[in-house]
Amino acid sequence: MSSFWMGAIGRESLIAADDTWGLLAVMAIGVFAAIWLEQRYKWASKVSGCIIALIIAMVLSNLGIIPTSCVLYDDVVWGIIVPLGIPMLLLNCDLKKIWAETGRMLVIFLIGSVGTVAGAYLAYFVLKEPYGNTGDLARVAAMMTGTYTGGSVNLAAMASQYAAGDEVTAAAIVADNLTMAVYFFALIFFADNGWFRRKFRHPLIDKAESLEAGAQDQKTLASAYWSRKDISLKDIAANIAYASAVVWVSRIIAGLFSGFEASGLLMSFVVRFLGSQYVWITTISVIVATFMSETVKKIHGSQEIGTFCIYMFLFVIGVPANIYIVITKSPLLLVLTVIMVSMNMVFSFGAAKILGFNLEDAIIASNANIGGPTTAAGMAVSQGWVDLVGPAMLIGTFGYVIGNYLGTVVAISLGL
């Protein structure tokens, strides 16, 4: 549709990329529509508001209504709204209560990462003949190994390290976003599917559904969970002040470590880990939630405000998934991403079954691999699995670190 708008109004989208207020209005209306549908209709509650927001963004971008890249997405949502929302979401994450959950999910997460690497090799050897350019295919395999270990943060690092080029990188990102959108659908389907429920324990799903059944005046699980709560102006001010301070301090600490020149694999690993702002945002937030739990209980509205921030982020995630470009320019890259995500799923859910872990553990751990900590936390919140929000953030943030290393191993072994 971009060519249509280019011919009609001289730009690639109906709303210009520099029309920040117009785009913000569309984004806010889209998120409101997703939340309203989730709380109004049972089918929407099953799909989840986060997936609906992502679909709305995909439709709008594929119709050329909104651009696929702009300052609002990159600088405001990624740069401000996402970091601001995470500390508020983690205010309920008392580490003393979630340690056991984190341990199980970490095991599945690491096994799923092995599945990602196996998928990269499988996809490369299956597609190298039809694709032709084995160098570019190896670069994409390395990029996708990074991003399917810990999220999109790793993709840019791998693309830069191996000089993938703008065209290859853009095609890979589009295929990645489209595959992620479909996979998030699949994960929601797994949670509601009778076959998966018969094969796995699912205590959090049962708990969430009992909450929905017990709420006589509510129509859906989402409306039951997000019922109207007591919140004051002071609560809003406290949440924003707290989250801003956590992000500020985290960025300062991360900046101190990221400036170090490290030699050796171990020191490089440590510096990269400690140089991530998300490591410190998560660490500080969990410390506060664990050791100041009584004080935290007095602050209302943190989950609501933090979740709204994550919904804005999930809207942005759906924007680059341009179906036309994937179909016409990079169908084999779409096949590569599908193979890698499928292998991650097989390893993650297979490990959960063999080890006797819960279905929810497998779903969120795999989400943390494929989408990263924020999408995993968003799905946990949208499904009412609040006990898994903290673990999702912790293992997803760890994936930021190991993703680049696994991507490097794949790249080197494939001849780059």
Protein backbone atom coordinates (compact mmCIF):
# COMPACT_ATOMS: atom_id res chain seq x y z
CA MET A 1 0.00 0.00 0.00
CA SER A 2 2.98 2.32 0.37
CA SER A 3 3.13 2.81 -3.41
CA PHE A 4 -0.54 3.81 -3.41
CA TRP A 5 -0.02 6.52 -0.79
CA MET A 6 3.20 7.60 -2.49
CA GLY A 7 1.28 8.23 -5.67
CA ALA A 8 -1.73 9.78 -3.94
CA ILE A 9 -0.16 12.06 -1.33
CA GLY A 10 3.58 11.84 -1.96
CA ARG A 11 4.61 9.77 1.07
CA GLU A 12 4.70 6.10 2.04
CA SER A 13 1.92 6.23 4.64
CA LEU A 14 -1.29 8.14 5.18
CA ILE A 15 0.02 9.49 8.50
CA ALA A 16 3.51 10.90 8.05
CA ALA A 17 6.42 9.52 10.07
CA ASP A 18 7.07 12.96 11.59
CA ASP A 19 3.42 13.46 12.61
CA THR A 20 4.13 12.36 16.17
CA TRP A 21 0.80 13.46 17.65
CA GLY A 22 -1.18 11.77 14.90
CA LEU A 23 0.74 8.53 15.37
CA LEU A 24 0.45 8.76 19.16
CA ALA A 25 -3.31 9.20 18.83
CA VAL A 26 -3.60 6.14 16.55
CA MET A 27 -1.41 4.09 18.89
CA ALA A 28 -3.34 5.11 22.00
CA ILE A 29 -6.70 4.45 20.31
CA GLY A 30 -5.43 1.06 19.09
CA VAL A 31 -4.30 0.08 22.58
CA PHE A 32 -7.59 1.27 24.08
CA ALA A 33 -9.51 -0.79 21.51
CA ALA A 34 -7.43 -3.87 22.36
CA ILE A 35 -8.02 -3.45 26.10
CA TRP A 36 -11.75 -2.76 25.61
CA LEU A 37 -12.20 -5.84 23.42
CA GLU A 38 -10.23 -7.99 25.87
CA GLN A 39 -12.44 -6.91 28.75
CA ARG A 40 -15.71 -7.01 26.79
CA TYR A 41 -15.63 -10.27 24.82
CA LYS A 42 -14.55 -13.73 25.91
CA TRP A 43 -12.98 -14.56 22.54
CA ALA A 44 -10.83 -11.44 22.83
CA SER A 45 -9.89 -12.31 26.40
CA LYS A 46 -8.68 -15.71 25.19
CA VAL A 47 -6.63 -14.13 22.40
CA SER A 48 -5.39 -11.46 24.87
CA GLY A 49 -5.24 -7.71 24.48
CA CYS A 50 -1.52 -7.74 23.76
CA ILE A 51 -2.03 -9.88 20.64
CA ILE A 52 -5.00 -7.75 19.55
CA ALA A 53 -2.90 -4.59 19.86
CA LEU A 54 -0.19 -6.25 17.77
CA ILE A 55 -2.73 -7.27 15.10
CA ILE A 56 -4.19 -3.75 14.94
CA ALA A 57 -0.70 -2.38 14.35
CA MET A 58 0.01 -5.00 11.66
CA VAL A 59 -3.20 -4.17 9.81
CA LEU A 60 -2.61 -0.42 9.95
CA SER A 61 1.00 -0.71 8.76
CA ASN A 62 0.19 -3.18 5.97
CA LEU A 63 -2.58 -0.86 4.72
CA GLY A 64 -0.11 2.02 4.73
CA ILE A 65 -2.06 4.00 7.34
CA ILE A 66 0.97 4.32 9.65
CA PRO A 67 4.70 4.17 8.81
CA THR A 68 6.90 1.22 9.74
CA SER A 69 9.56 3.40 11.38
CA CYS A 70 9.50 6.75 13.14
CA VAL A 71 10.84 8.68 16.14
CA LEU A 72 7.78 7.81 18.23
CA TYR A 73 8.46 4.08 17.93
CA ASP A 74 12.23 4.13 18.30
CA ASP A 75 12.94 6.97 20.71
CA VAL A 76 9.74 7.37 22.72
CA VAL A 77 8.32 3.84 23.03
CA TRP A 78 11.55 1.83 22.98
CA GLY A 79 13.61 4.54 24.67
CA ILE A 80 11.22 5.82 27.36
CA ILE A 81 7.91 3.98 27.71
CA VAL A 82 9.33 0.42 27.86
CA PRO A 83 12.04 1.15 30.46
CA LEU A 84 9.53 3.19 32.47
CA GLY A 85 6.96 0.39 32.53
CA ILE A 86 9.27 -2.41 33.66
CA PRO A 87 10.02 -1.16 37.22
CA MET A 88 6.30 -0.71 37.86
CA LEU A 89 5.49 -4.21 36.60
CA LEU A 90 8.19 -5.66 38.84
CA LEU A 91 6.97 -3.99 42.04
CA ASN A 92 5.07 -7.17 42.95
CA CYS A 93 8.00 -9.47 42.20
CA ASP A 94 9.18 -10.51 45.65
CA LEU A 95 12.14 -12.74 44.85
CA LYS A 96 11.55 -14.83 47.94
CA LYS A 97 8.21 -15.89 46.47
CA ILE A 98 9.22 -16.39 42.84
CA TRP A 99 12.61 -18.08 43.21
CA ALA A 100 11.22 -21.58 42.67
CA GLU A 101 9.32 -20.42 39.58
CA THR A 102 12.41 -18.73 38.14
CA GLY A 103 14.47 -21.89 38.57
CA ARG A 104 12.06 -24.01 36.51
CA MET A 105 11.69 -21.42 33.79
CA LEU A 106 15.44 -20.89 33.57
CA VAL A 107 15.96 -24.59 32.83
CA ILE A 108 13.37 -24.51 30.04
CA PHE A 109 14.77 -21.22 28.75
CA LEU A 110 18.29 -22.64 28.43
CA ILE A 111 17.05 -25.82 26.74
CA GLY A 112 14.95 -23.68 24.41
CA SER A 113 18.11 -21.71 23.54
CA VAL A 114 19.74 -24.99 22.49
CA GLY A 115 16.70 -25.58 20.29
CA THR A 116 17.19 -22.15 18.72
CA VAL A 117 20.79 -23.02 17.80
CA ALA A 118 19.75 -26.41 16.44
CA GLY A 119 17.07 -24.66 14.38
CA ALA A 120 19.65 -22.25 12.95
CA TYR A 121 21.82 -25.10 11.69
CA LEU A 122 18.83 -27.04 10.35
CA ALA A 123 17.43 -24.00 8.53
CA TYR A 124 20.83 -23.12 7.04
CA PHE A 125 21.47 -26.58 5.59
CA VAL A 126 17.90 -26.95 4.33
CA LEU A 127 17.81 -23.54 2.64
CA LYS A 128 21.38 -22.92 1.45
CA GLU A 129 20.78 -24.44 -1.99
CA PRO A 130 17.49 -22.66 -2.83
CA TYR A 131 18.64 -19.38 -1.23
CA GLY A 132 21.95 -19.34 -3.10
CA ASN A 133 23.87 -16.69 -1.14
CA THR A 134 25.24 -18.80 1.70
CA GLY A 135 27.06 -15.85 3.25
CA ASP A 136 23.90 -13.80 3.69
CA LEU A 137 21.99 -16.87 4.87
CA ALA A 138 24.64 -17.53 7.53
CA ARG A 139 24.41 -13.89 8.63
CA VAL A 140 20.64 -14.15 9.00
CA ALA A 141 20.99 -17.43 10.89
CA ALA A 142 23.39 -15.75 13.32
CA MET A 143 21.09 -12.74 13.69
CA MET A 144 18.07 -14.92 14.34
CA THR A 145 20.01 -17.03 16.84
CA GLY A 146 20.66 -13.87 18.82
CA THR A 147 17.11 -12.58 18.65
CA TYR A 148 15.50 -15.99 19.32
CA THR A 149 17.62 -16.44 22.42
CA GLY A 150 16.78 -13.18 24.14
CA GLY A 151 14.76 -10.87 21.93
CA SER A 152 15.21 -8.10 19.38
CA VAL A 153 17.97 -6.35 21.34
CA ASN A 154 20.43 -8.99 20.08
CA LEU A 155 19.44 -8.69 16.41
CA ALA A 156 20.98 -5.26 15.92
CA ALA A 157 24.24 -6.34 17.55
CA MET A 158 24.55 -9.41 15.33
CA ALA A 159 23.65 -7.46 12.18
CA SER A 160 26.31 -4.87 12.98
CA GLN A 161 28.98 -7.40 13.94
CA TYR A 162 28.64 -9.37 10.71
CA ALA A 163 27.85 -6.48 8.35
CA ALA A 164 24.63 -8.00 7.12
CA GLY A 165 23.68 -4.84 5.20
CA ASP A 166 20.49 -2.80 5.29
CA GLU A 167 18.56 -4.85 2.73
CA VAL A 168 19.27 -8.23 4.34
CA THR A 169 18.71 -6.86 7.83
CA ALA A 170 15.40 -5.24 6.86
CA ALA A 171 14.13 -8.45 5.23
CA ALA A 172 15.17 -10.48 8.28
CA ILE A 173 13.46 -8.07 10.66
CA VAL A 174 10.21 -8.21 8.69
CA ALA A 175 10.28 -12.03 8.60
CA ASP A 176 11.11 -12.06 12.31
CA ASN A 177 8.22 -9.78 13.26
CA LEU A 178 5.68 -11.69 11.19
CA THR A 179 6.82 -15.04 12.62
CA MET A 180 6.75 -13.66 16.17
CA ALA A 181 3.22 -12.37 15.72
CA VAL A 182 2.01 -15.78 14.52
CA TYR A 183 3.91 -17.58 17.27
CA PHE A 184 2.38 -15.41 19.98
CA PHE A 185 -0.99 -16.50 18.62
CA ALA A 186 0.18 -20.10 18.86
CA LEU A 187 1.27 -19.71 22.48
CA ILE A 188 -2.13 -18.33 23.46
CA PHE A 189 -3.73 -21.24 21.59
CA PHE A 190 -1.57 -23.74 23.49
CA ALA A 191 -2.74 -22.29 26.82
CA ASP A 192 -6.38 -22.83 25.86
CA ASN A 193 -6.01 -26.11 23.97
CA GLY A 194 -7.34 -29.31 25.52
CA TRP A 195 -4.52 -31.51 24.16
CA PHE A 196 -1.82 -29.37 25.80
CA ARG A 197 -3.79 -29.19 29.03
CA ARG A 198 -4.02 -32.98 29.17
CA LYS A 199 -0.27 -33.33 28.65
CA PHE A 200 0.88 -30.67 31.14
CA ARG A 201 -0.02 -29.39 34.56
CA HIS A 202 -1.47 -25.87 34.41
CA PRO A 203 -2.13 -24.48 37.92
CA LEU A 204 -1.96 -20.80 36.96
CA ILE A 205 -4.43 -21.28 34.12
CA ASP A 206 -6.80 -23.02 36.53
CA LYS A 207 -6.35 -20.23 39.06
CA ALA A 208 -7.05 -17.53 36.46
CA GLU A 209 -10.15 -19.34 35.18
CA SER A 210 -11.48 -19.83 38.71
CA LEU A 211 -11.10 -16.09 39.20
CA GLU A 212 -13.10 -15.50 36.02
CA ALA A 213 -15.79 -17.99 37.05
CA GLY A 214 -16.06 -16.47 40.51
CA ALA A 215 -16.50 -12.92 39.25
CA GLN A 216 -20.28 -12.85 38.74
CA ASP A 217 -20.43 -9.27 37.51
CA GLN A 218 -17.52 -9.58 35.09
CA LYS A 219 -17.68 -10.83 31.52
CA THR A 220 -14.09 -12.00 31.02
CA LEU A 221 -10.93 -12.94 32.87
CA ALA A 222 -9.37 -9.64 31.84
CA SER A 223 -12.23 -7.57 33.23
CA ALA A 224 -12.13 -9.61 36.45
CA TYR A 225 -8.40 -9.16 36.90
CA TRP A 226 -8.33 -5.50 35.84
CA SER A 227 -11.35 -4.43 37.87
CA ARG A 228 -11.51 -0.85 39.15
CA LYS A 229 -9.12 -0.28 42.06
CA ASP A 230 -8.42 2.39 44.61
CA ILE A 231 -5.79 4.78 43.23
CA SER A 232 -4.92 8.38 44.08
CA LEU A 233 -2.98 11.21 42.49
CA LYS A 234 -0.21 10.47 44.98
CA ASP A 235 -0.06 6.86 43.76
CA ILE A 236 0.39 7.97 40.15
CA ALA A 237 3.10 10.44 41.17
CA ALA A 238 4.86 7.79 43.29
CA ASN A 239 4.84 5.25 40.45
CA ILE A 240 6.25 7.64 37.86
CA ALA A 241 8.83 9.02 40.29
CA TYR A 242 9.94 5.55 41.35
CA ALA A 243 10.17 4.16 37.82
CA SER A 244 12.01 7.23 36.51
CA ALA A 245 14.53 7.05 39.35
CA VAL A 246 15.15 3.33 38.77
CA VAL A 247 15.75 3.84 35.05
CA TRP A 248 17.99 6.85 35.69
CA VAL A 249 20.17 5.04 38.21
CA SER A 250 20.25 1.90 36.05
CA ARG A 251 21.45 3.83 33.02
CA ILE A 252 24.20 5.49 35.06
CA ILE A 253 25.45 2.16 36.43
CA ALA A 254 25.22 0.43 33.04
CA GLY A 255 27.11 3.32 31.45
CA LEU A 256 29.99 2.87 33.90
CA PHE A 257 30.40 -0.77 32.95
CA SER A 258 29.79 -0.41 29.22
CA GLY A 259 32.75 1.96 29.01
CA PHE A 260 35.20 -0.74 30.11
CA GLU A 261 37.50 -2.41 27.60
CA ALA A 262 37.41 -6.10 28.47
CA SER A 263 39.76 -8.80 27.25
CA GLY A 264 38.98 -12.48 27.38
CA LEU A 265 35.70 -14.31 26.98
CA LEU A 266 34.74 -14.30 30.67
CA MET A 267 35.43 -10.61 31.27
CA SER A 268 33.72 -9.67 28.02
CA PHE A 269 30.67 -11.63 29.15
CA VAL A 270 30.65 -9.90 32.56
CA VAL A 271 31.07 -6.41 31.12
CA ARG A 272 28.35 -6.94 28.51
CA PHE A 273 26.00 -8.28 31.17
CA LEU A 274 26.63 -5.45 33.62
CA GLY A 275 26.54 -2.89 30.80
CA SER A 276 22.86 -3.59 30.04
CA GLN A 277 20.41 -1.09 31.50
CA TYR A 278 17.76 -3.82 31.63
CA VAL A 279 19.93 -5.93 33.92
CA TRP A 280 20.07 -3.08 36.41
CA ILE A 281 16.42 -2.07 35.97
CA THR A 282 15.43 -5.64 36.75
CA THR A 283 17.94 -6.04 39.59
CA ILE A 284 17.05 -2.81 41.38
CA SER A 285 13.33 -3.40 40.92
CA VAL A 286 13.50 -6.93 42.30
CA ILE A 287 15.59 -5.78 45.30
CA VAL A 288 13.00 -3.12 46.11
CA ALA A 289 10.10 -5.56 45.68
CA THR A 290 11.81 -8.19 47.83
CA PHE A 291 13.18 -6.12 50.73
CA MET A 292 10.65 -3.29 50.80
CA SER A 293 7.51 -5.33 50.21
CA GLU A 294 5.48 -3.61 52.93
CA THR A 295 6.24 -0.17 51.51
CA VAL A 296 5.50 -1.35 47.97
CA LYS A 297 2.03 -2.54 49.00
CA LYS A 298 1.09 1.07 49.78
CA ILE A 299 1.65 2.16 46.17
CA HIS A 300 -1.42 1.44 44.05
CA GLY A 301 -1.74 1.40 40.26
CA SER A 302 1.75 0.18 39.39
CA GLN A 303 0.48 -2.89 37.52
CA GLU A 304 -2.09 -0.87 35.57
CA ILE A 305 0.32 1.87 34.48
CA GLY A 306 3.14 -0.59 33.76
CA THR A 307 0.86 -2.84 31.73
CA PHE A 308 -0.37 0.08 29.65
CA CYS A 309 3.27 0.87 28.83
CA ILE A 310 3.81 -2.74 27.71
CA TYR A 311 0.69 -2.62 25.52
CA MET A 312 2.13 0.44 23.76
CA PHE A 313 5.32 -1.51 23.20
CA LEU A 314 3.45 -4.52 21.80
CA PHE A 315 1.65 -2.23 19.35
CA VAL A 316 5.04 -1.09 18.08
CA ILE A 317 6.23 -4.71 17.76
CA GLY A 318 3.45 -5.38 15.24
CA VAL A 319 4.23 -2.39 13.02
CA PRO A 320 7.23 -3.71 10.98
CA ALA A 321 5.50 -6.98 10.01
CA ASN A 322 4.98 -6.06 6.36
CA ILE A 323 3.43 -9.17 4.84
CA TYR A 324 3.83 -7.98 1.23
CA ILE A 325 7.60 -7.53 1.57
CA VAL A 326 7.99 -10.96 3.13
CA ILE A 327 6.01 -12.68 0.39
CA THR A 328 7.67 -10.86 -2.51
CA LYS A 329 11.25 -10.35 -1.32
CA SER A 330 12.15 -12.74 1.45
CA PRO A 331 9.91 -15.84 1.55
CA LEU A 332 12.86 -18.13 2.30
CA LEU A 333 13.87 -15.97 5.26
CA LEU A 334 10.35 -16.45 6.55
CA VAL A 335 10.87 -20.21 6.22
CA LEU A 336 14.14 -19.88 8.15
CA THR A 337 12.48 -18.06 11.04
CA VAL A 338 9.62 -20.58 11.12
CA ILE A 339 12.08 -23.50 11.32
CA MET A 340 14.03 -21.85 14.14
CA VAL A 341 10.95 -20.92 16.16
CA SER A 342 9.51 -24.41 15.66
CA MET A 343 12.71 -26.02 16.96
CA ASN A 344 12.66 -23.73 19.98
CA MET A 345 9.08 -24.80 20.64
CA VAL A 346 9.93 -28.52 20.36
CA PHE A 347 12.85 -28.21 22.77
CA SER A 348 11.00 -25.95 25.24
CA PHE A 349 7.78 -27.92 25.44
CA GLY A 350 9.59 -31.25 25.22
CA ALA A 351 11.79 -30.30 28.18
CA ALA A 352 8.80 -29.15 30.20
CA LYS A 353 7.03 -32.44 29.54
CA ILE A 354 10.01 -34.64 30.37
CA LEU A 355 10.85 -32.68 33.54
CA GLY A 356 7.24 -32.46 34.70
CA PHE A 357 7.08 -28.66 34.59
CA ASN A 358 3.94 -26.59 34.10
CA LEU A 359 2.48 -25.57 30.75
CA GLU A 360 2.71 -21.91 31.78
CA ASP A 361 6.45 -22.29 32.42
CA ALA A 362 7.01 -23.59 28.89
CA ILE A 363 4.87 -20.88 27.27
CA ILE A 364 6.54 -17.95 29.04
CA ALA A 365 10.08 -19.38 28.76
CA SER A 366 9.67 -19.88 25.01
CA ASN A 367 8.18 -16.38 24.70
CA ALA A 368 11.21 -14.98 26.56
CA ASN A 369 13.47 -16.73 24.03
CA ILE A 370 11.63 -15.61 20.92
CA GLY A 371 10.35 -12.19 21.95
CA GLY A 372 12.45 -11.17 24.94
CA PRO A 373 11.59 -10.17 28.51
CA THR A 374 9.03 -7.49 27.71
CA THR A 375 6.83 -9.63 25.45
CA ALA A 376 7.05 -12.54 27.90
CA ALA A 377 6.08 -10.30 30.80
CA GLY A 378 3.27 -8.78 28.74
CA MET A 379 1.84 -12.20 27.93
CA ALA A 380 2.07 -13.28 31.57
CA VAL A 381 0.18 -10.17 32.65
CA SER A 382 -2.45 -10.47 29.91
CA GLN A 383 -3.18 -14.09 30.89
CA GLY A 384 -3.40 -13.31 34.59
CA TRP A 385 -0.21 -15.28 35.44
CA VAL A 386 1.22 -12.49 37.57
CA ASP A 387 3.52 -14.90 39.45
CA LEU A 388 5.51 -15.35 36.24
CA VAL A 389 6.11 -11.67 35.41
CA GLY A 390 9.29 -11.46 37.50
CA PRO A 391 10.77 -14.74 36.23
CA ALA A 392 9.98 -13.72 32.65
CA MET A 393 11.91 -10.48 33.06
CA LEU A 394 14.84 -12.18 34.78
CA ILE A 395 15.38 -14.97 32.27
CA GLY A 396 14.61 -12.71 29.31
CA THR A 397 17.23 -10.21 30.47
CA PHE A 398 19.73 -13.06 30.84
CA GLY A 399 18.93 -13.92 27.22
CA TYR A 400 20.16 -10.47 26.16
CA VAL A 401 23.61 -11.59 27.26
CA ILE A 402 23.89 -15.16 26.00
CA GLY A 403 22.10 -14.42 22.72
CA ASN A 404 25.05 -12.60 21.21
CA TYR A 405 27.42 -15.38 22.23
CA LEU A 406 25.28 -18.11 20.72
CA GLY A 407 24.84 -16.01 17.58
CA THR A 408 28.60 -15.63 17.33
CA VAL A 409 29.12 -19.38 17.70
CA VAL A 410 26.65 -20.04 14.87
CA ALA A 411 28.27 -17.41 12.65
CA ILE A 412 31.79 -18.73 13.15
CA SER A 413 30.78 -22.34 12.65
CA LEU A 414 29.00 -21.40 9.38
CA GLY A 415 32.16 -19.79 8.01
CA LEU A 416 31.72 -16.08 8.74
